[in-house]
Amino acid sequence: MKILLAVDGSSYTKKMLAYVTTHLEMFSGDNEFTALTVQGALPPRPALRWARKWWTSTTPKRPPRCWTRWSSSSAGTT
């Protein structure tokens, strides 16, 4: 049996999970539990602030070596 459990972190959720785990004999032997939680979208300004913080934390401070330009001595050779 497939059972979908809505989880929001409240005390009711904790009680529900405790009840389900202690009363597994009520269900058939081949149970499949899925916990689902939903988070609302961030408003535009906090989302932009989060994206900027993430971008600055993940981008390198200087470009990688493969992005460096050819030296002037190798530019004129054919």
PDB file of N, CA and C in Angstrom:
ATOM      1  N   MET A   1       0.847  -1.156   0.000  1.00  0.00           N
ATOM      2  CA  MET A   1       0.000   0.000   0.000  1.00  0.00           C
ATOM      3  C   MET A   1       0.906   1.236   0.000  1.00  0.00           C
ATOM      4  N   LYS A   2       0.567   2.209  -0.845  1.00  0.00           N
ATOM      5  CA  LYS A   2       1.314   3.466  -0.886  1.00  0.00           C
ATOM      6  C   LYS A   2       0.583   4.487  -0.018  1.00  0.00           C
ATOM      7  N   ILE A   3       1.347   5.105   0.896  1.00  0.00           N
ATOM      8  CA  ILE A   3       0.756   6.065   1.824  1.00  0.00           C
ATOM      9  C   ILE A   3       1.539   7.362   1.737  1.00  0.00           C
ATOM     10  N   LEU A   4       0.846   8.467   1.476  1.00  0.00           N
ATOM     11  CA  LEU A   4       1.451   9.789   1.386  1.00  0.00           C
ATOM     12  C   LEU A   4       1.233  10.512   2.707  1.00  0.00           C
ATOM     13  N   LEU A   5       2.333  10.945   3.329  1.00  0.00           N
ATOM     14  CA  LEU A   5       2.265  11.638   4.614  1.00  0.00           C
ATOM     15  C   LEU A   5       2.636  13.106   4.406  1.00  0.00           C
ATOM     16  N   ALA A   6       1.711  13.991   4.729  1.00  0.00           N
ATOM     17  CA  ALA A   6       1.977  15.425   4.635  1.00  0.00           C
ATOM     18  C   ALA A   6       2.701  15.863   5.902  1.00  0.00           C
ATOM     19  N   VAL A   7       3.894  16.424   5.744  1.00  0.00           N
ATOM     20  CA  VAL A   7       4.746  16.775   6.881  1.00  0.00           C
ATOM     21  C   VAL A   7       5.004  18.273   6.860  1.00  0.00           C
ATOM     22  N   ASP A   8       4.686  18.947   7.973  1.00  0.00           N
ATOM     23  CA  ASP A   8       4.951  20.385   8.050  1.00  0.00           C
ATOM     24  C   ASP A   8       5.765  20.775   9.281  1.00  0.00           C
ATOM     25  N   GLY A   9       6.187  19.822  10.077  1.00  0.00           N
ATOM     26  CA  GLY A   9       7.022  20.112  11.238  1.00  0.00           C
ATOM     27  C   GLY A   9       6.261  20.497  12.490  1.00  0.00           C
ATOM     28  N   SER A  10       4.949  20.435  12.442  1.00  0.00           N
ATOM     29  CA  SER A  10       4.149  20.817  13.604  1.00  0.00           C
ATOM     30  C   SER A  10       4.077  19.666  14.607  1.00  0.00           C
ATOM     31  N   SER A  11       3.493  19.951  15.754  1.00  0.00           N
ATOM     32  CA  SER A  11       3.337  18.908  16.770  1.00  0.00           C
ATOM     33  C   SER A  11       2.362  17.828  16.294  1.00  0.00           C
ATOM     34  N   TYR A  12       1.384  18.214  15.464  1.00  0.00           N
ATOM     35  CA  TYR A  12       0.441  17.235  14.916  1.00  0.00           C
ATOM     36  C   TYR A  12       1.163  16.249  13.997  1.00  0.00           C
ATOM     37  N   THR A  13       2.112  16.757  13.226  1.00  0.00           N
ATOM     38  CA  THR A  13       2.891  15.877  12.354  1.00  0.00           C
ATOM     39  C   THR A  13       3.697  14.889  13.171  1.00  0.00           C
ATOM     40  N   LYS A  14       4.309  15.352  14.241  1.00  0.00           N
ATOM     41  CA  LYS A  14       5.095  14.459  15.091  1.00  0.00           C
ATOM     42  C   LYS A  14       4.211  13.380  15.712  1.00  0.00           C
ATOM     43  N   LYS A  15       3.015  13.761  16.131  1.00  0.00           N
ATOM     44  CA  LYS A  15       2.084  12.779  16.705  1.00  0.00           C
ATOM     45  C   LYS A  15       1.641  11.767  15.649  1.00  0.00           C
ATOM     46  N   MET A  16       1.385  12.251  14.434  1.00  0.00           N
ATOM     47  CA  MET A  16       0.961  11.364  13.355  1.00  0.00           C
ATOM     48  C   MET A  16       2.057  10.363  13.013  1.00  0.00           C
ATOM     49  N   LEU A  17       3.300  10.832  12.920  1.00  0.00           N
ATOM     50  CA  LEU A  17       4.412   9.936  12.612  1.00  0.00           C
ATOM     51  C   LEU A  17       4.634   8.918  13.725  1.00  0.00           C
ATOM     52  N   ALA A  18       4.495   9.362  14.960  1.00  0.00           N
ATOM     53  CA  ALA A  18       4.631   8.431  16.086  1.00  0.00           C
ATOM     54  C   ALA A  18       3.524   7.372  16.046  1.00  0.00           C
ATOM     55  N   TYR A  19       2.310   7.775  15.707  1.00  0.00           N
ATOM     56  CA  TYR A  19       1.202   6.837  15.645  1.00  0.00           C
ATOM     57  C   TYR A  19       1.410   5.820  14.521  1.00  0.00           C
ATOM     58  N   VAL A  20       1.800   6.322  13.350  1.00  0.00           N
ATOM     59  CA  VAL A  20       1.981   5.428  12.202  1.00  0.00           C
ATOM     60  C   VAL A  20       3.096   4.421  12.476  1.00  0.00           C
ATOM     61  N   THR A  21       4.193   4.872  13.054  1.00  0.00           N
ATOM     62  CA  THR A  21       5.313   3.956  13.280  1.00  0.00           C
ATOM     63  C   THR A  21       5.012   2.929  14.376  1.00  0.00           C
ATOM     64  N   THR A  22       4.151   3.264  15.320  1.00  0.00           N
ATOM     65  CA  THR A  22       3.840   2.302  16.382  1.00  0.00           C
ATOM     66  C   THR A  22       2.668   1.392  16.029  1.00  0.00           C
ATOM     67  N   HIS A  23       1.916   1.719  14.963  1.00  0.00           N
ATOM     68  CA  HIS A  23       0.754   0.911  14.579  1.00  0.00           C
ATOM     69  C   HIS A  23       0.892   0.385  13.149  1.00  0.00           C
ATOM     70  N   LEU A  24       2.067  -0.097  12.808  1.00  0.00           N
ATOM     71  CA  LEU A  24       2.289  -0.623  11.462  1.00  0.00           C
ATOM     72  C   LEU A  24       1.482  -1.883  11.182  1.00  0.00           C
ATOM     73  N   GLU A  25       1.039  -2.582  12.229  1.00  0.00           N
ATOM     74  CA  GLU A  25       0.267  -3.810  12.028  1.00  0.00           C
ATOM     75  C   GLU A  25      -1.103  -3.522  11.412  1.00  0.00           C
ATOM     76  N   MET A  26      -1.553  -2.289  11.450  1.00  0.00           N
ATOM     77  CA  MET A  26      -2.839  -1.920  10.846  1.00  0.00           C
ATOM     78  C   MET A  26      -2.751  -1.924   9.320  1.00  0.00           C
ATOM     79  N   PHE A  27      -1.571  -1.795   8.782  1.00  0.00           N
ATOM     80  CA  PHE A  27      -1.387  -1.724   7.338  1.00  0.00           C
ATOM     81  C   PHE A  27      -0.917  -3.072   6.813  1.00  0.00           C
ATOM     82  N   SER A  28      -0.973  -3.225   5.503  1.00  0.00           N
ATOM     83  CA  SER A  28      -0.502  -4.481   4.912  1.00  0.00           C
ATOM     84  C   SER A  28       1.021  -4.562   5.034  1.00  0.00           C
ATOM     85  N   GLY A  29       1.589  -5.716   4.722  1.00  0.00           N
ATOM     86  CA  GLY A  29       3.020  -5.944   4.900  1.00  0.00           C
ATOM     87  C   GLY A  29       3.915  -5.167   3.955  1.00  0.00           C
ATOM     88  N   ASP A  30       3.429  -4.850   2.770  1.00  0.00           N
ATOM     89  CA  ASP A  30       4.284  -4.164   1.792  1.00  0.00           C
ATOM     90  C   ASP A  30       3.905  -2.678   1.696  1.00  0.00           C
ATOM     91  N   ASN A  31       4.223  -1.942   2.734  1.00  0.00           N
ATOM     92  CA  ASN A  31       3.909  -0.518   2.790  1.00  0.00           C
ATOM     93  C   ASN A  31       4.997   0.307   2.122  1.00  0.00           C
ATOM     94  N   GLU A  32       4.590   1.379   1.497  1.00  0.00           N
ATOM     95  CA  GLU A  32       5.532   2.341   0.932  1.00  0.00           C
ATOM     96  C   GLU A  32       5.084   3.725   1.391  1.00  0.00           C
ATOM     97  N   PHE A  33       5.869   4.313   2.300  1.00  0.00           N
ATOM     98  CA  PHE A  33       5.536   5.618   2.843  1.00  0.00           C
ATOM     99  C   PHE A  33       6.315   6.695   2.102  1.00  0.00           C
ATOM    100  N   THR A  34       5.642   7.807   1.804  1.00  0.00           N
ATOM    101  CA  THR A  34       6.283   8.963   1.181  1.00  0.00           C
ATOM    102  C   THR A  34       5.925  10.191   2.011  1.00  0.00           C
ATOM    103  N   ALA A  35       6.956  10.898   2.468  1.00  0.00           N
ATOM    104  CA  ALA A  35       6.738  12.127   3.229  1.00  0.00           C
ATOM    105  C   ALA A  35       6.808  13.307   2.268  1.00  0.00           C
ATOM    106  N   LEU A  36       5.820  14.185   2.324  1.00  0.00           N
ATOM    107  CA  LEU A  36       5.740  15.330   1.424  1.00  0.00           C
ATOM    108  C   LEU A  36       5.673  16.605   2.233  1.00  0.00           C
ATOM    109  N   THR A  37       6.518  17.543   1.891  1.00  0.00           N
ATOM    110  CA  THR A  37       6.453  18.866   2.496  1.00  0.00           C
ATOM    111  C   THR A  37       6.487  19.896   1.381  1.00  0.00           C
ATOM    112  N   VAL A  38       5.790  20.992   1.551  1.00  0.00           N
ATOM    113  CA  VAL A  38       5.694  22.030   0.531  1.00  0.00           C
ATOM    114  C   VAL A  38       6.139  23.348   1.135  1.00  0.00           C
ATOM    115  N   GLN A  39       6.969  24.057   0.409  1.00  0.00           N
ATOM    116  CA  GLN A  39       7.433  25.369   0.853  1.00  0.00           C
ATOM    117  C   GLN A  39       6.965  26.391  -0.163  1.00  0.00           C
ATOM    118  N   GLY A  40       6.373  27.447   0.312  1.00  0.00           N
ATOM    119  CA  GLY A  40       5.909  28.497  -0.580  1.00  0.00           C
ATOM    120  C   GLY A  40       7.062  29.226  -1.239  1.00  0.00           C
ATOM    121  N   ALA A  41       6.765  29.867  -2.348  1.00  0.00           N
ATOM    122  CA  ALA A  41       7.791  30.616  -3.068  1.00  0.00           C
ATOM    123  C   ALA A  41       8.210  31.856  -2.271  1.00  0.00           C
ATOM    124  N   LEU A  42       9.472  32.228  -2.420  1.00  0.00           N
ATOM    125  CA  LEU A  42       9.954  33.430  -1.759  1.00  0.00           C
ATOM    126  C   LEU A  42       9.455  34.662  -2.493  1.00  0.00           C
ATOM    127  N   PRO A  43       9.165  35.748  -1.771  1.00  0.00           N
ATOM    128  CA  PRO A  43       8.834  37.000  -2.445  1.00  0.00           C
ATOM    129  C   PRO A  43      10.029  37.477  -3.270  1.00  0.00           C
ATOM    130  N   PRO A  44       9.816  38.347  -4.261  1.00  0.00           N
ATOM    131  CA  PRO A  44      10.898  38.709  -5.191  1.00  0.00           C
ATOM    132  C   PRO A  44      12.159  39.263  -4.530  1.00  0.00           C
ATOM    133  N   ARG A  45      12.042  40.180  -3.598  1.00  0.00           N
ATOM    134  CA  ARG A  45      13.252  40.783  -3.024  1.00  0.00           C
ATOM    135  C   ARG A  45      14.081  39.805  -2.196  1.00  0.00           C
ATOM    136  N   PRO A  46      13.500  39.037  -1.283  1.00  0.00           N
ATOM    137  CA  PRO A  46      14.319  38.043  -0.580  1.00  0.00           C
ATOM    138  C   PRO A  46      14.897  36.994  -1.519  1.00  0.00           C
ATOM    139  N   ALA A  47      14.167  36.616  -2.564  1.00  0.00           N
ATOM    140  CA  ALA A  47      14.692  35.641  -3.518  1.00  0.00           C
ATOM    141  C   ALA A  47      15.907  36.200  -4.235  1.00  0.00           C
ATOM    142  N   LEU A  48      15.857  37.471  -4.616  1.00  0.00           N
ATOM    143  CA  LEU A  48      16.989  38.099  -5.290  1.00  0.00           C
ATOM    144  C   LEU A  48      18.182  38.198  -4.348  1.00  0.00           C
ATOM    145  N   ARG A  49      17.946  38.533  -3.088  1.00  0.00           N
ATOM    146  CA  ARG A  49      19.023  38.615  -2.106  1.00  0.00           C
ATOM    147  C   ARG A  49      19.670  37.252  -1.911  1.00  0.00           C
ATOM    148  N   TRP A  50      18.851  36.205  -1.829  1.00  0.00           N
ATOM    149  CA  TRP A  50      19.390  34.861  -1.689  1.00  0.00           C
ATOM    150  C   TRP A  50      20.206  34.476  -2.912  1.00  0.00           C
ATOM    151  N   ALA A  51      19.721  34.800  -4.113  1.00  0.00           N
ATOM    152  CA  ALA A  51      20.434  34.440  -5.339  1.00  0.00           C
ATOM    153  C   ALA A  51      21.777  35.157  -5.414  1.00  0.00           C
ATOM    154  N   ARG A  52      21.831  36.413  -5.021  1.00  0.00           N
ATOM    155  CA  ARG A  52      23.100  37.148  -5.026  1.00  0.00           C
ATOM    156  C   ARG A  52      24.088  36.521  -4.044  1.00  0.00           C
ATOM    157  N   LYS A  53      23.615  36.185  -2.861  1.00  0.00           N
ATOM    158  CA  LYS A  53      24.491  35.579  -1.856  1.00  0.00           C
ATOM    159  C   LYS A  53      25.012  34.234  -2.349  1.00  0.00           C
ATOM    160  N   TRP A  54      24.139  33.430  -2.964  1.00  0.00           N
ATOM    161  CA  TRP A  54      24.561  32.144  -3.496  1.00  0.00           C
ATOM    162  C   TRP A  54      25.573  32.334  -4.619  1.00  0.00           C
ATOM    163  N   TRP A  55      25.334  33.285  -5.530  1.00  0.00           N
ATOM    164  CA  TRP A  55      26.228  33.489  -6.659  1.00  0.00           C
ATOM    165  C   TRP A  55      27.617  33.924  -6.190  1.00  0.00           C
ATOM    166  N   THR A  56      27.674  34.831  -5.231  1.00  0.00           N
ATOM    167  CA  THR A  56      28.979  35.299  -4.761  1.00  0.00           C
ATOM    168  C   THR A  56      29.709  34.226  -3.968  1.00  0.00           C
ATOM    169  N   SER A  57      28.994  33.310  -3.358  1.00  0.00           N
ATOM    170  CA  SER A  57      29.664  32.257  -2.593  1.00  0.00           C
ATOM    171  C   SER A  57      30.143  31.119  -3.481  1.00  0.00           C
ATOM    172  N   THR A  58      29.566  30.964  -4.675  1.00  0.00           N
ATOM    173  CA  THR A  58      29.940  29.837  -5.525  1.00  0.00           C
ATOM    174  C   THR A  58      30.867  30.217  -6.673  1.00  0.00           C
ATOM    175  N   THR A  59      30.965  31.493  -7.022  1.00  0.00           N
ATOM    176  CA  THR A  59      31.829  31.873  -8.137  1.00  0.00           C
ATOM    177  C   THR A  59      33.248  32.072  -7.648  1.00  0.00           C
ATOM    178  N   PRO A  60      34.232  31.715  -8.460  1.00  0.00           N
ATOM    179  CA  PRO A  60      35.627  31.898  -8.047  1.00  0.00           C
ATOM    180  C   PRO A  60      35.999  33.384  -8.007  1.00  0.00           C
ATOM    181  N   LYS A  61      36.958  33.710  -7.161  1.00  0.00           N
ATOM    182  CA  LYS A  61      37.386  35.108  -7.019  1.00  0.00           C
ATOM    183  C   LYS A  61      38.171  35.587  -8.226  1.00  0.00           C
ATOM    184  N   ARG A  62      38.821  34.682  -8.923  1.00  0.00           N
ATOM    185  CA  ARG A  62      39.547  35.032 -10.136  1.00  0.00           C
ATOM    186  C   ARG A  62      39.233  33.984 -11.193  1.00  0.00           C
ATOM    187  N   PRO A  63      39.359  34.346 -12.464  1.00  0.00           N
ATOM    188  CA  PRO A  63      39.010  33.375 -13.502  1.00  0.00           C
ATOM    189  C   PRO A  63      39.965  32.195 -13.515  1.00  0.00           C
ATOM    190  N   PRO A  64      39.493  31.038 -13.951  1.00  0.00           N
ATOM    191  CA  PRO A  64      40.368  29.872 -14.033  1.00  0.00           C
ATOM    192  C   PRO A  64      41.481  30.071 -15.053  1.00  0.00           C
ATOM    193  N   ARG A  65      42.489  29.252 -14.986  1.00  0.00           N
ATOM    194  CA  ARG A  65      43.646  29.383 -15.876  1.00  0.00           C
ATOM    195  C   ARG A  65      43.253  29.229 -17.340  1.00  0.00           C
ATOM    196  N   CYS A  66      42.275  28.440 -17.621  1.00  0.00           N
ATOM    197  CA  CYS A  66      41.895  28.220 -19.011  1.00  0.00           C
ATOM    198  C   CYS A  66      41.288  29.472 -19.642  1.00  0.00           C
ATOM    199  N   TRP A  67      40.897  30.466 -18.819  1.00  0.00           N
ATOM    200  CA  TRP A  67      40.324  31.692 -19.362  1.00  0.00           C
ATOM    201  C   TRP A  67      41.381  32.755 -19.633  1.00  0.00           C
ATOM    202  N   THR A  68      42.612  32.520 -19.240  1.00  0.00           N
ATOM    203  CA  THR A  68      43.641  33.544 -19.441  1.00  0.00           C
ATOM    204  C   THR A  68      43.960  33.691 -20.922  1.00  0.00           C
ATOM    205  N   ARG A  69      44.306  34.883 -21.317  1.00  0.00           N
ATOM    206  CA  ARG A  69      44.607  35.150 -22.713  1.00  0.00           C
ATOM    207  C   ARG A  69      45.961  34.583 -23.111  1.00  0.00           C
ATOM    208  N   TRP A  70      46.104  34.402 -24.394  1.00  0.00           N
ATOM    209  CA  TRP A  70      47.376  33.965 -24.929  1.00  0.00           C
ATOM    210  C   TRP A  70      48.397  35.043 -24.669  1.00  0.00           C
ATOM    211  N   SER A  71      49.630  34.676 -24.417  1.00  0.00           N
ATOM    212  CA  SER A  71      50.666  35.675 -24.230  1.00  0.00           C
ATOM    213  C   SER A  71      50.979  36.354 -25.549  1.00  0.00           C
ATOM    214  N   SER A  72      51.528  37.543 -25.504  1.00  0.00           N
ATOM    215  CA  SER A  72      51.782  38.310 -26.715  1.00  0.00           C
ATOM    216  C   SER A  72      52.843  37.619 -27.584  1.00  0.00           C
ATOM    217  N   SER A  73      53.722  36.841 -26.987  1.00  0.00           N
ATOM    218  CA  SER A  73      54.752  36.164 -27.782  1.00  0.00           C
ATOM    219  C   SER A  73      54.182  35.051 -28.630  1.00  0.00           C
ATOM    220  N   SER A  74      53.110  34.399 -28.169  1.00  0.00           N
ATOM    221  CA  SER A  74      52.529  33.307 -28.958  1.00  0.00           C
ATOM    222  C   SER A  74      51.466  33.810 -29.909  1.00  0.00           C
ATOM    223  N   ALA A  75      51.014  35.075 -29.755  1.00  0.00           N
ATOM    224  CA  ALA A  75      49.965  35.593 -30.604  1.00  0.00           C
ATOM    225  C   ALA A  75      50.445  35.815 -32.035  1.00  0.00           C
ATOM    226  N   GLY A  76      51.734  36.185 -32.254  1.00  0.00           N
ATOM    227  CA  GLY A  76      52.221  36.493 -33.570  1.00  0.00           C
ATOM    228  C   GLY A  76      52.734  35.290 -34.341  1.00  0.00           C
ATOM    229  N   THR A  77      52.832  34.143 -33.741  1.00  0.00           N
ATOM    230  CA  THR A  77      53.353  32.968 -34.427  1.00  0.00           C
ATOM    231  C   THR A  77      52.287  32.321 -35.285  1.00  0.00           C
ATOM    232  N   THR A  78      52.687  31.670 -36.337  1.00  0.00           N
ATOM    233  CA  THR A  78      51.715  31.006 -37.200  1.00  0.00           C
ATOM    234  C   THR A  78      51.917  29.512 -37.209  1.00  0.00           C
TER     235      THR A  78
END
